Protein backbone atom coordinates (compact mmCIF):
# COMPACT_ATOMS: atom_id res chain seq x y z
CA MET A 1 -21.59 -18.31 28.38
CA SER A 2 -25.25 -18.71 27.65
CA ALA A 3 -26.71 -22.09 26.70
CA THR A 4 -29.95 -23.19 25.08
CA SER A 5 -31.34 -26.36 26.68
CA ARG A 6 -33.50 -29.02 25.08
CA ARG A 7 -35.99 -31.39 26.75
CA SER A 8 -34.38 -34.28 28.61
CA VAL A 9 -35.07 -37.91 27.70
CA PRO A 10 -34.68 -41.08 29.79
CA VAL A 11 -31.85 -43.37 28.74
CA PRO A 12 -31.50 -46.93 30.16
CA THR A 13 -28.03 -47.70 31.43
CA GLY A 14 -26.02 -50.88 31.16
CA TRP A 15 -27.11 -51.82 34.69
CA PHE A 16 -30.75 -51.79 33.58
CA ALA A 17 -29.94 -54.09 30.67
CA LEU A 18 -28.09 -56.44 33.01
CA LEU A 19 -31.07 -56.50 35.38
CA LEU A 20 -33.35 -57.44 32.48
CA VAL A 21 -31.07 -60.32 31.55
CA LEU A 22 -30.91 -61.58 35.13
CA ALA A 23 -34.71 -61.46 35.37
CA ALA A 24 -35.20 -63.24 32.04
CA VAL A 25 -33.01 -66.24 32.91
CA PRO A 26 -35.23 -67.78 35.66
CA ILE A 27 -38.39 -66.99 33.67
CA ALA A 28 -36.99 -68.86 30.68
CA LEU A 29 -36.24 -71.88 32.88
CA LEU A 30 -39.81 -72.13 34.13
CA ARG A 31 -42.22 -74.39 32.32
CA GLY A 32 -45.84 -73.71 31.47
CA GLU A 33 -47.60 -70.47 30.80
CA THR A 34 -45.33 -67.70 32.09
CA TRP A 35 -46.75 -64.76 30.21
CA LEU A 36 -48.38 -63.39 33.37
CA LEU A 37 -45.09 -63.61 35.27
CA VAL A 38 -43.29 -61.93 32.38
CA LEU A 39 -45.82 -59.10 32.39
CA VAL A 40 -45.41 -58.62 36.13
CA VAL A 41 -41.62 -58.56 35.89
CA VAL A 42 -41.66 -56.07 33.02
CA VAL A 43 -44.08 -53.77 34.85
CA VAL A 44 -41.99 -53.92 38.02
CA LEU A 45 -38.78 -53.13 36.13
CA LEU A 46 -40.40 -50.23 34.29
CA LEU A 47 -41.72 -48.81 37.57
CA VAL A 48 -38.32 -49.16 39.20
CA GLY A 49 -36.67 -47.52 36.19
CA ALA A 50 -39.17 -44.68 36.13
CA ALA A 51 -38.68 -44.08 39.85
CA ASP A 52 -34.91 -44.05 39.38
CA ALA A 53 -35.22 -41.55 36.53
CA LEU A 54 -37.46 -39.28 38.58
CA ALA A 55 -34.96 -39.42 41.41
CA ALA A 56 -32.15 -38.23 39.13
CA VAL A 57 -31.32 -34.53 39.11
CA ALA A 58 -32.81 -32.79 36.08
CA PRO A 59 -30.12 -32.01 33.46
CA HIS A 60 -31.36 -28.42 33.15
CA ALA A 61 -30.22 -27.91 36.77
CA ILE A 62 -26.63 -28.58 35.66
CA ASP A 63 -24.88 -25.53 34.17
CA VAL A 64 -22.04 -26.02 31.69
CA MET A 65 -19.60 -23.30 30.63
CA ARG A 66 -16.77 -23.74 28.15
CA GLU A 67 -13.56 -21.69 28.42
CA PHE A 68 -11.11 -21.54 25.53
CA PRO A 69 -8.69 -19.12 23.82
CA ALA A 70 -10.15 -16.91 21.12
CA SER A 71 -7.49 -18.05 18.68
CA VAL A 72 -4.81 -20.73 18.39
CA THR A 73 -2.27 -21.66 15.75
CA VAL A 74 -2.27 -24.81 13.66
CA GLY A 75 -0.03 -27.43 15.23
CA GLU A 76 0.30 -25.66 18.57
CA SER A 77 -1.32 -26.89 21.78
CA ALA A 78 -4.04 -25.06 23.66
CA GLU A 79 -6.45 -25.96 26.43
CA ILE A 80 -10.22 -26.09 26.65
CA THR A 81 -11.77 -26.07 30.12
CA TRP A 82 -15.33 -26.94 31.12
CA ARG A 83 -16.93 -25.64 34.31
CA VAL A 84 -19.94 -27.65 35.47
CA ALA A 85 -22.16 -26.38 38.31
CA ASN A 86 -24.97 -28.12 40.21
CA ARG A 87 -27.83 -25.68 40.92
CA SER A 88 -30.08 -28.32 42.48
CA ASP A 89 -30.40 -29.24 46.16
CA ARG A 90 -29.38 -32.86 45.58
CA THR A 91 -26.14 -34.65 44.80
CA ALA A 92 -25.87 -35.48 41.10
CA ALA A 93 -23.89 -38.10 39.22
CA VAL A 94 -23.09 -36.26 36.00
CA THR A 95 -21.53 -37.07 32.63
CA VAL A 96 -20.73 -34.20 30.26
CA ALA A 97 -19.76 -34.76 26.61
CA ASP A 98 -18.81 -32.02 24.13
CA SER A 99 -19.00 -32.39 20.34
CA LEU A 100 -15.54 -31.07 19.50
CA TRP A 101 -14.23 -30.92 15.93
CA PRO A 102 -12.14 -34.00 15.02
CA SER A 103 -9.36 -31.77 13.62
CA PHE A 104 -8.80 -30.42 17.16
CA ALA A 105 -7.24 -33.78 18.14
CA ALA A 106 -8.54 -33.29 21.69
CA THR A 107 -7.15 -35.49 24.46
CA ARG A 108 -10.67 -35.85 25.86
CA ARG A 109 -14.18 -34.58 25.22
CA ARG A 110 -16.19 -36.13 28.05
CA ALA A 111 -15.97 -36.65 31.81
CA SER A 112 -18.03 -38.29 34.57
CA PHE A 113 -18.08 -37.09 38.18
CA THR A 114 -20.29 -36.49 41.22
CA LEU A 115 -21.45 -33.00 42.16
CA ARG A 116 -22.78 -32.04 45.58
CA PRO A 117 -25.47 -29.34 45.75
CA GLY A 118 -24.19 -25.85 44.93
CA THR A 119 -20.70 -27.01 43.91
CA GLN A 120 -18.65 -26.81 40.73
CA HIS A 121 -16.34 -29.19 38.91
CA ARG A 122 -13.68 -28.26 36.36
CA PHE A 123 -12.05 -30.51 33.81
CA GLY A 124 -10.04 -29.76 30.72
CA ALA A 125 -8.50 -31.13 27.56
CA HIS A 126 -5.51 -30.29 25.41
CA ILE A 127 -6.14 -29.65 21.74
CA THR A 128 -3.71 -29.46 18.82
CA PRO A 129 -5.63 -28.11 15.80
CA GLN A 130 -4.62 -29.64 12.49
CA ARG A 131 -6.58 -27.32 10.21
CA ARG A 132 -6.97 -23.55 10.09
CA GLY A 133 -10.27 -21.72 9.87
CA ARG A 134 -13.19 -20.58 12.01
CA PHE A 135 -14.64 -23.38 14.13
CA PRO A 136 -17.97 -22.85 15.93
CA PHE A 137 -18.57 -25.01 18.97
CA GLY A 138 -21.68 -27.15 18.98
CA ALA A 139 -23.82 -29.08 21.38
CA VAL A 140 -22.93 -30.27 24.87
CA THR A 141 -24.71 -33.35 26.21
CA VAL A 142 -25.45 -33.58 29.94
CA ARG A 143 -26.48 -36.88 31.47
CA THR A 144 -27.51 -37.40 35.11
CA VAL A 145 -27.99 -40.84 36.65
CA GLY A 146 -30.51 -41.89 39.29
CA PRO A 147 -29.47 -43.32 42.68
CA LEU A 148 -29.91 -46.91 41.45
CA ARG A 149 -27.94 -46.13 38.24
CA LEU A 150 -30.57 -47.94 36.16
CA VAL A 151 -31.88 -45.01 34.11
CA ALA A 152 -30.26 -41.72 33.22
CA ARG A 153 -31.77 -38.42 32.14
CA GLN A 154 -30.05 -36.90 29.15
CA ALA A 155 -30.35 -33.48 27.53
CA THR A 156 -28.40 -31.74 24.79
CA ARG A 157 -27.86 -28.01 24.90
CA ASP A 158 -26.18 -25.44 22.69
CA VAL A 159 -23.21 -23.77 24.36
CA PRO A 160 -22.19 -21.25 21.69
CA GLY A 161 -18.68 -20.11 20.94
CA THR A 162 -16.18 -19.86 18.09
CA MET A 163 -12.45 -20.48 17.93
CA ALA A 164 -10.20 -19.09 15.22
CA VAL A 165 -7.36 -21.38 14.15
CA MET A 166 -4.60 -19.30 12.58
CA PRO A 167 -2.12 -20.42 9.89
CA ALA A 168 0.83 -22.50 11.00
CA TYR A 169 4.08 -20.63 11.57
CA PRO A 170 6.73 -23.36 11.76
CA SER A 171 9.56 -20.99 10.83
CA ARG A 172 9.19 -18.83 13.95
CA ASP A 173 11.96 -20.48 15.97
CA LEU A 174 14.27 -20.80 12.99
CA LEU A 175 13.97 -17.10 12.15
CA ARG A 176 14.45 -16.12 15.77
CA SER A 177 17.66 -18.12 16.15
CA ARG A 178 18.91 -17.09 12.73
CA LEU A 179 18.45 -13.38 13.33
CA ARG A 180 19.31 -13.61 17.02
CA ILE A 181 16.50 -11.36 18.15
CA PRO A 182 13.71 -11.92 20.68
CA LEU A 183 10.82 -11.90 18.19
CA GLU A 184 8.12 -12.13 20.84
CA SER A 185 9.34 -9.55 23.31
CA GLY A 186 10.49 -6.83 20.92
CA VAL A 187 13.14 -5.68 23.40
CA ARG A 188 15.39 -4.31 20.68
CA SER A 189 15.38 -3.75 16.94
CA VAL A 190 17.44 -5.61 14.40
CA ARG A 191 20.39 -3.65 13.13
CA THR A 192 21.73 -4.80 9.80
CA ARG A 193 25.03 -3.02 9.48
CA GLY A 194 27.01 -2.84 6.29
CA THR A 195 26.01 -1.15 3.07
CA GLY A 196 22.82 0.45 4.31
CA THR A 197 22.06 4.09 3.80
CA GLU A 198 21.15 5.29 7.30
CA PHE A 199 24.01 6.39 9.60
CA ASP A 200 24.23 4.35 12.77
CA GLN A 201 27.39 5.17 14.73
CA LEU A 202 31.14 5.89 14.70
CA ARG A 203 33.48 3.13 15.81
CA GLU A 204 37.14 2.18 15.78
CA TYR A 205 38.52 0.81 12.55
CA ARG A 206 38.90 -2.97 12.39
CA PRO A 207 40.93 -4.98 9.87
CA GLY A 208 38.80 -5.71 6.84
CA ASP A 209 36.71 -2.53 7.02
CA ASP A 210 36.17 -0.60 3.81
CA PHE A 211 38.54 2.41 3.69
CA ARG A 212 35.74 4.41 2.06
CA LYS A 213 33.94 4.33 5.40
CA VAL A 214 36.74 6.09 7.26
CA ASP A 215 35.58 9.36 8.81
CA TRP A 216 38.72 11.48 8.36
CA ALA A 217 37.45 14.40 10.43
CA ALA A 218 36.81 12.16 13.42
CA THR A 219 40.06 10.25 12.84
CA ALA A 220 42.02 13.53 13.03
CA ARG A 221 40.80 13.99 16.62
CA GLN A 222 41.53 10.39 17.72
CA PRO A 223 44.71 8.36 18.14
CA HIS A 224 43.21 5.64 15.90
CA ALA A 225 41.21 5.44 12.68
CA VAL A 226 37.41 5.89 12.97
CA VAL A 227 34.86 4.50 10.52
CA ARG A 228 31.17 5.19 9.96
CA ASP A 229 28.68 2.38 10.49
CA TYR A 230 25.47 2.34 8.48
CA ARG A 231 22.30 0.39 8.83
CA ALA A 232 19.33 -0.21 6.60
CA GLU A 233 16.69 2.48 6.51
CA ARG A 234 13.53 2.10 8.51
CA ASN A 235 9.92 3.02 7.82
CA GLN A 236 10.01 1.48 4.36
CA HIS A 237 7.08 -0.42 2.85
CA VAL A 238 6.89 -4.18 2.34
CA VAL A 239 3.71 -5.67 0.84
CA ALA A 240 3.03 -9.39 0.50
CA LEU A 241 0.84 -10.43 -2.46
CA LEU A 242 -0.52 -13.89 -1.63
CA ASP A 243 -1.76 -15.91 -4.59
CA ASN A 244 -4.65 -18.13 -3.49
CA GLY A 245 -5.58 -19.49 -6.89
CA ARG A 246 -5.62 -22.96 -8.40
CA ILE A 247 -1.87 -23.43 -8.71
CA MET A 248 -1.42 -22.86 -4.96
CA ALA A 249 -3.70 -25.76 -4.05
CA GLY A 250 -1.11 -28.38 -5.01
CA THR A 251 0.87 -29.99 -2.23
CA VAL A 252 4.61 -30.03 -1.61
CA GLY A 253 5.71 -32.36 1.14
CA ALA A 254 2.06 -33.17 1.98
CA THR A 255 1.41 -29.46 2.63
CA PRO A 256 -0.45 -27.16 0.20
CA ARG A 257 1.73 -24.53 -1.43
CA VAL A 258 -0.44 -21.79 0.01
CA GLU A 259 0.40 -23.00 3.55
CA HIS A 260 4.13 -22.72 2.81
CA ALA A 261 3.46 -19.22 1.50
CA MET A 262 1.48 -18.23 4.60
CA ASP A 263 4.38 -19.31 6.80
CA ALA A 264 6.68 -17.06 4.78
CA VAL A 265 4.21 -14.14 4.92
CA LEU A 266 4.10 -14.40 8.71
CA GLY A 267 7.90 -14.58 8.95
CA LEU A 268 8.34 -11.58 6.68
CA THR A 269 5.74 -9.62 8.64
CA GLN A 270 7.32 -10.31 12.00
CA VAL A 271 10.88 -9.55 10.96
CA ALA A 272 10.03 -6.45 8.91
CA THR A 273 7.95 -4.87 11.65
CA LYS A 274 10.72 -5.56 14.17
CA ILE A 275 13.25 -3.61 12.16
CA GLY A 276 10.89 -0.68 11.71
CA ASP A 277 9.30 -1.23 8.30
CA ASN A 278 5.61 -1.02 7.40
CA VAL A 279 4.09 -4.32 6.26
CA GLY A 280 0.90 -4.83 4.26
CA LEU A 281 -0.89 -7.73 2.61
CA LEU A 282 -3.09 -8.31 -0.43
CA THR A 283 -4.71 -11.72 -1.00
CA PHE A 284 -6.17 -12.70 -4.35
CA ASP A 285 -7.34 -15.52 -6.60
CA SER A 286 -9.76 -14.73 -9.44
CA GLN A 287 -10.36 -11.45 -7.61
CA VAL A 288 -8.88 -9.49 -4.73
CA ARG A 289 -10.01 -11.11 -1.49
CA GLY A 290 -8.56 -8.84 1.15
CA ILE A 291 -6.18 -5.96 1.82
CA VAL A 292 -4.30 -5.16 5.01
CA PRO A 293 -2.89 -1.60 4.96
CA ALA A 294 0.87 -1.29 5.44
CA ARG A 295 1.62 -0.44 9.06
CA ASN A 296 4.27 -0.92 11.68
CA SER A 297 2.69 -1.90 14.97
CA LYS A 298 2.62 -4.77 17.41
CA ALA A 299 -0.85 -5.69 16.18
CA GLN A 300 0.15 -5.99 12.51
CA PHE A 301 1.20 -9.63 12.80
CA ALA A 302 -2.24 -10.52 14.18
CA ARG A 303 -3.96 -8.51 11.43
CA VAL A 304 -2.04 -10.34 8.71
CA ALA A 305 -2.72 -13.75 10.26
CA GLU A 306 -6.41 -12.94 10.60
CA ALA A 307 -6.58 -11.90 6.95
CA MET A 308 -5.29 -15.33 5.86
CA TYR A 309 -6.79 -17.90 8.21
CA LEU A 310 -10.11 -18.27 6.36
CA LEU A 311 -8.60 -18.55 2.89
CA ASP A 312 -9.03 -21.74 0.88
CA PRO A 313 -7.40 -22.07 -2.55
CA ALA A 314 -9.95 -21.24 -5.23
CA LEU A 315 -10.02 -23.61 -8.20
CA ASP A 316 -9.80 -20.68 -10.60
CA GLU A 317 -7.02 -19.01 -12.51
CA SER A 318 -5.36 -16.21 -10.58
CA ALA A 319 -6.09 -12.68 -11.79
CA TYR A 320 -2.57 -11.24 -11.56
CA LYS A 321 -3.41 -8.12 -13.56
CA THR A 322 -6.34 -7.24 -11.32
CA ALA A 323 -4.31 -7.93 -8.18
CA PHE A 324 -1.22 -6.00 -9.29
CA ASN A 325 -3.24 -3.00 -10.46
CA SER A 326 -5.10 -2.95 -7.15
CA ALA A 327 -1.83 -3.16 -5.24
CA ALA A 328 -0.24 -0.35 -7.25
CA ALA A 329 -3.30 1.85 -6.70
CA ARG A 330 -3.55 1.10 -2.97
CA PHE A 331 0.19 1.20 -2.07
CA ARG A 332 1.48 4.23 -3.96
CA ARG A 333 4.67 4.73 -1.97
CA ARG A 334 7.68 2.84 -3.36
CA SER A 335 7.54 -0.61 -1.82
CA LEU A 336 8.95 -4.08 -1.96
CA PHE A 337 6.17 -6.28 -3.32
CA VAL A 338 6.67 -9.97 -2.54
CA VAL A 339 4.48 -12.12 -4.81
CA PHE A 340 3.92 -15.60 -3.32
CA THR A 341 2.89 -17.90 -6.16
CA ASP A 342 4.14 -20.92 -8.12
CA LEU A 343 6.47 -20.85 -11.08
CA VAL A 344 4.34 -22.68 -13.64
CA GLU A 345 5.77 -21.73 -17.04
CA THR A 346 2.48 -21.30 -18.90
CA VAL A 347 0.87 -19.34 -16.08
CA VAL A 348 3.86 -17.04 -15.67
CA ASP A 349 4.19 -16.42 -19.41
CA ASP A 350 0.49 -15.91 -20.09
CA SER A 351 -0.64 -14.08 -16.94
CA LEU A 352 2.03 -13.06 -14.44
CA LEU A 353 4.67 -11.52 -16.71
CA PRO A 354 2.24 -9.29 -18.68
CA ALA A 355 0.84 -7.98 -15.38
CA LEU A 356 4.23 -7.45 -13.70
CA ALA A 357 4.90 -4.10 -15.37
CA ALA A 358 2.19 -2.50 -13.22
CA LEU A 359 4.53 -2.99 -10.25
CA THR A 360 8.07 -2.88 -11.65
CA ARG A 361 7.62 0.64 -13.07
CA THR A 362 7.73 2.12 -9.57
CA HIS A 363 8.36 -0.65 -7.09
CA LEU A 364 10.81 -3.43 -6.33
CA VAL A 365 9.30 -6.89 -6.89
CA MET A 366 10.25 -10.26 -5.46
CA VAL A 367 8.58 -13.45 -6.70
CA ALA A 368 8.74 -16.27 -4.15
CA ALA A 369 7.80 -19.92 -4.64
CA VAL A 370 8.44 -23.31 -3.10
CA ARG A 371 9.82 -26.07 -5.29
CA ASP A 372 9.09 -29.77 -5.05
CA PRO A 373 12.20 -31.73 -3.89
CA ASP A 374 10.73 -34.95 -5.28
CA VAL A 375 11.05 -33.55 -8.80
CA THR A 376 14.75 -32.83 -8.17
CA ASP A 377 15.26 -36.36 -6.86
CA TRP A 378 13.54 -37.90 -9.88
CA ALA A 379 15.62 -35.80 -12.25
CA SER A 380 18.86 -36.98 -10.64
CA GLN A 381 17.84 -40.65 -10.49
CA VAL A 382 20.35 -42.90 -12.24
CA ASP A 383 19.19 -46.46 -11.61
CA HIS A 384 15.86 -47.11 -13.28
CA ALA A 385 14.09 -50.33 -12.36
CA ALA A 386 11.31 -49.93 -14.91
CA ALA A 387 10.49 -48.02 -18.06
CA SER A 388 8.11 -45.80 -16.09
CA ASP A 389 11.10 -44.59 -14.01
CA VAL A 390 12.83 -43.43 -17.17
CA PHE A 391 9.80 -41.49 -18.33
CA ARG A 392 9.39 -39.96 -14.86
CA SER A 393 13.03 -38.83 -14.80
CA ALA A 394 12.69 -37.31 -18.26
CA ALA A 395 9.55 -35.46 -17.23
CA ALA A 396 11.30 -34.19 -14.08
CA VAL A 397 14.26 -32.90 -16.11
CA ALA A 398 11.86 -31.11 -18.46
CA ALA A 399 9.97 -29.59 -15.53
CA ILE A 400 13.17 -28.29 -13.94
CA GLY A 401 14.25 -26.79 -17.25
CA ALA A 402 10.91 -25.03 -17.66
CA ARG A 403 11.15 -23.69 -14.12
CA GLU A 404 14.64 -22.31 -14.73
CA ARG A 405 13.50 -20.62 -17.94
CA THR A 406 10.59 -19.10 -16.03
CA MET A 407 12.89 -17.70 -13.35
CA ALA A 408 15.19 -16.25 -16.01
CA ARG A 409 12.31 -14.44 -17.71
CA LEU A 410 11.13 -13.04 -14.38
CA ARG A 411 14.61 -11.70 -13.64
CA GLU A 412 14.77 -10.16 -17.10
CA ALA A 413 11.49 -8.40 -16.29
CA GLY A 414 13.11 -6.83 -13.21
CA ALA A 415 11.96 -9.18 -10.45
CA VAL A 416 14.04 -10.83 -7.75
CA VAL A 417 13.24 -14.55 -7.63
CA VAL A 418 13.31 -16.86 -4.60
CA ASP A 419 12.78 -20.56 -5.31
CA ALA A 420 13.10 -22.43 -2.00
CA ARG A 421 12.78 -25.95 -0.70
CA PRO A 422 9.89 -26.77 1.68
CA GLY A 423 10.64 -25.35 5.10
CA ASP A 424 13.16 -22.84 3.74
CA LEU A 425 10.84 -20.39 1.97
CA ALA A 426 10.32 -18.09 4.97
CA VAL A 427 14.04 -17.89 5.79
CA ASP A 428 15.09 -17.41 2.17
CA VAL A 429 12.54 -14.63 1.64
CA VAL A 430 13.60 -12.85 4.83
CA ASP A 431 17.29 -13.18 3.92
CA GLN A 432 16.64 -11.72 0.47
CA TYR A 433 14.59 -8.89 1.97
CA LEU A 434 17.38 -8.00 4.41
CA GLU A 435 19.96 -8.12 1.62
CA LEU A 436 17.89 -5.74 -0.51
CA LYS A 437 17.65 -3.34 2.42
CA THR A 438 21.33 -3.38 3.25
CA LYS A 439 22.16 -2.71 -0.40
CA GLY A 440 19.81 0.28 -0.37
CA ARG A 441 17.64 -1.03 -3.21
CA LEU A 442 14.44 -0.02 -1.45
């Protein structure tokens, strides 16, 4: 990785400061005019320091390369490695410090070591990014110390590079265990047997099976009853519509609503592609921000994550009509549209519901949101220590009532509604999606 070096500067070390103190003590104890002695001591120390600095290996003779993954996920650990090489013909005492982003929570960002001529040294650090986005790497400082360790030579250079931190996906393990499929390996597809519409296989009748599934022609040739098994159709379209407007900036459980939604989008994408459906994405706030075409491939999960990792909630009202019209025009085949937003009564009544008809005329629509458990707790609070607790409980009851009315109006408009607790949104959305498929509603 190329680096742009800057001119080195001398930097006194702690040993030089200690030497100054030790020299100043006897001078201070002497009586009479000591200015000449002071001048001599200062000149000698400066000459010794200059000689020590000249004897140090020039920082530009020390190469620094940074190795890191192109992308990581919020909350997951990764490793950054530095390779430092000595191109000079002398042994160098080196300290390397990197200006890493604080949100990386790096275990270290500097190291000191000795490098013989023509050798390399590697050291690393573990990082656990706490914030998503694109993070360019900055300057690396190289310091070399002279043989007397009195003065160092220091230079800062630009070692370019950029790391992409993708949205957190905390529901990955939960979805994998719940669906009992190897989500990473893709060894087999999910088969959701039951009331699907695509024939899967013939099997022996078991107690509890629906008699309408009995295949009488096959049963006539067997000594036992045979039933038909069905599974959900494949190659259907699922499109996530991610609201990134003002109402998604609020936090639930110390996490912005949009982060909960991104977790659910990733879970839906991974499960739907595994069972053979095409998944797309449209992100919007006051305008459409990005569109990922509906596809079924191993790379689709990465495409969806990449389309979301730079998004920050815009402090504007969401343009549902613009987003829904764009989605209907772009995804013409009948699809399941999953709208990730919040169920604010005024916003839904004034903006979302009037725009919903653009989708419900042809497509199946699911509206998914995460609810605040604190509001539920306040509404159910019985013992009130102060008058403010009473008012808070009353406000919570009113908020829950407004939310229930909002969900009822959305269902009347033809939408399926998922209102989940924090941490459950991804699983609840996936469960609802699988249920819609097995019932043949897509």
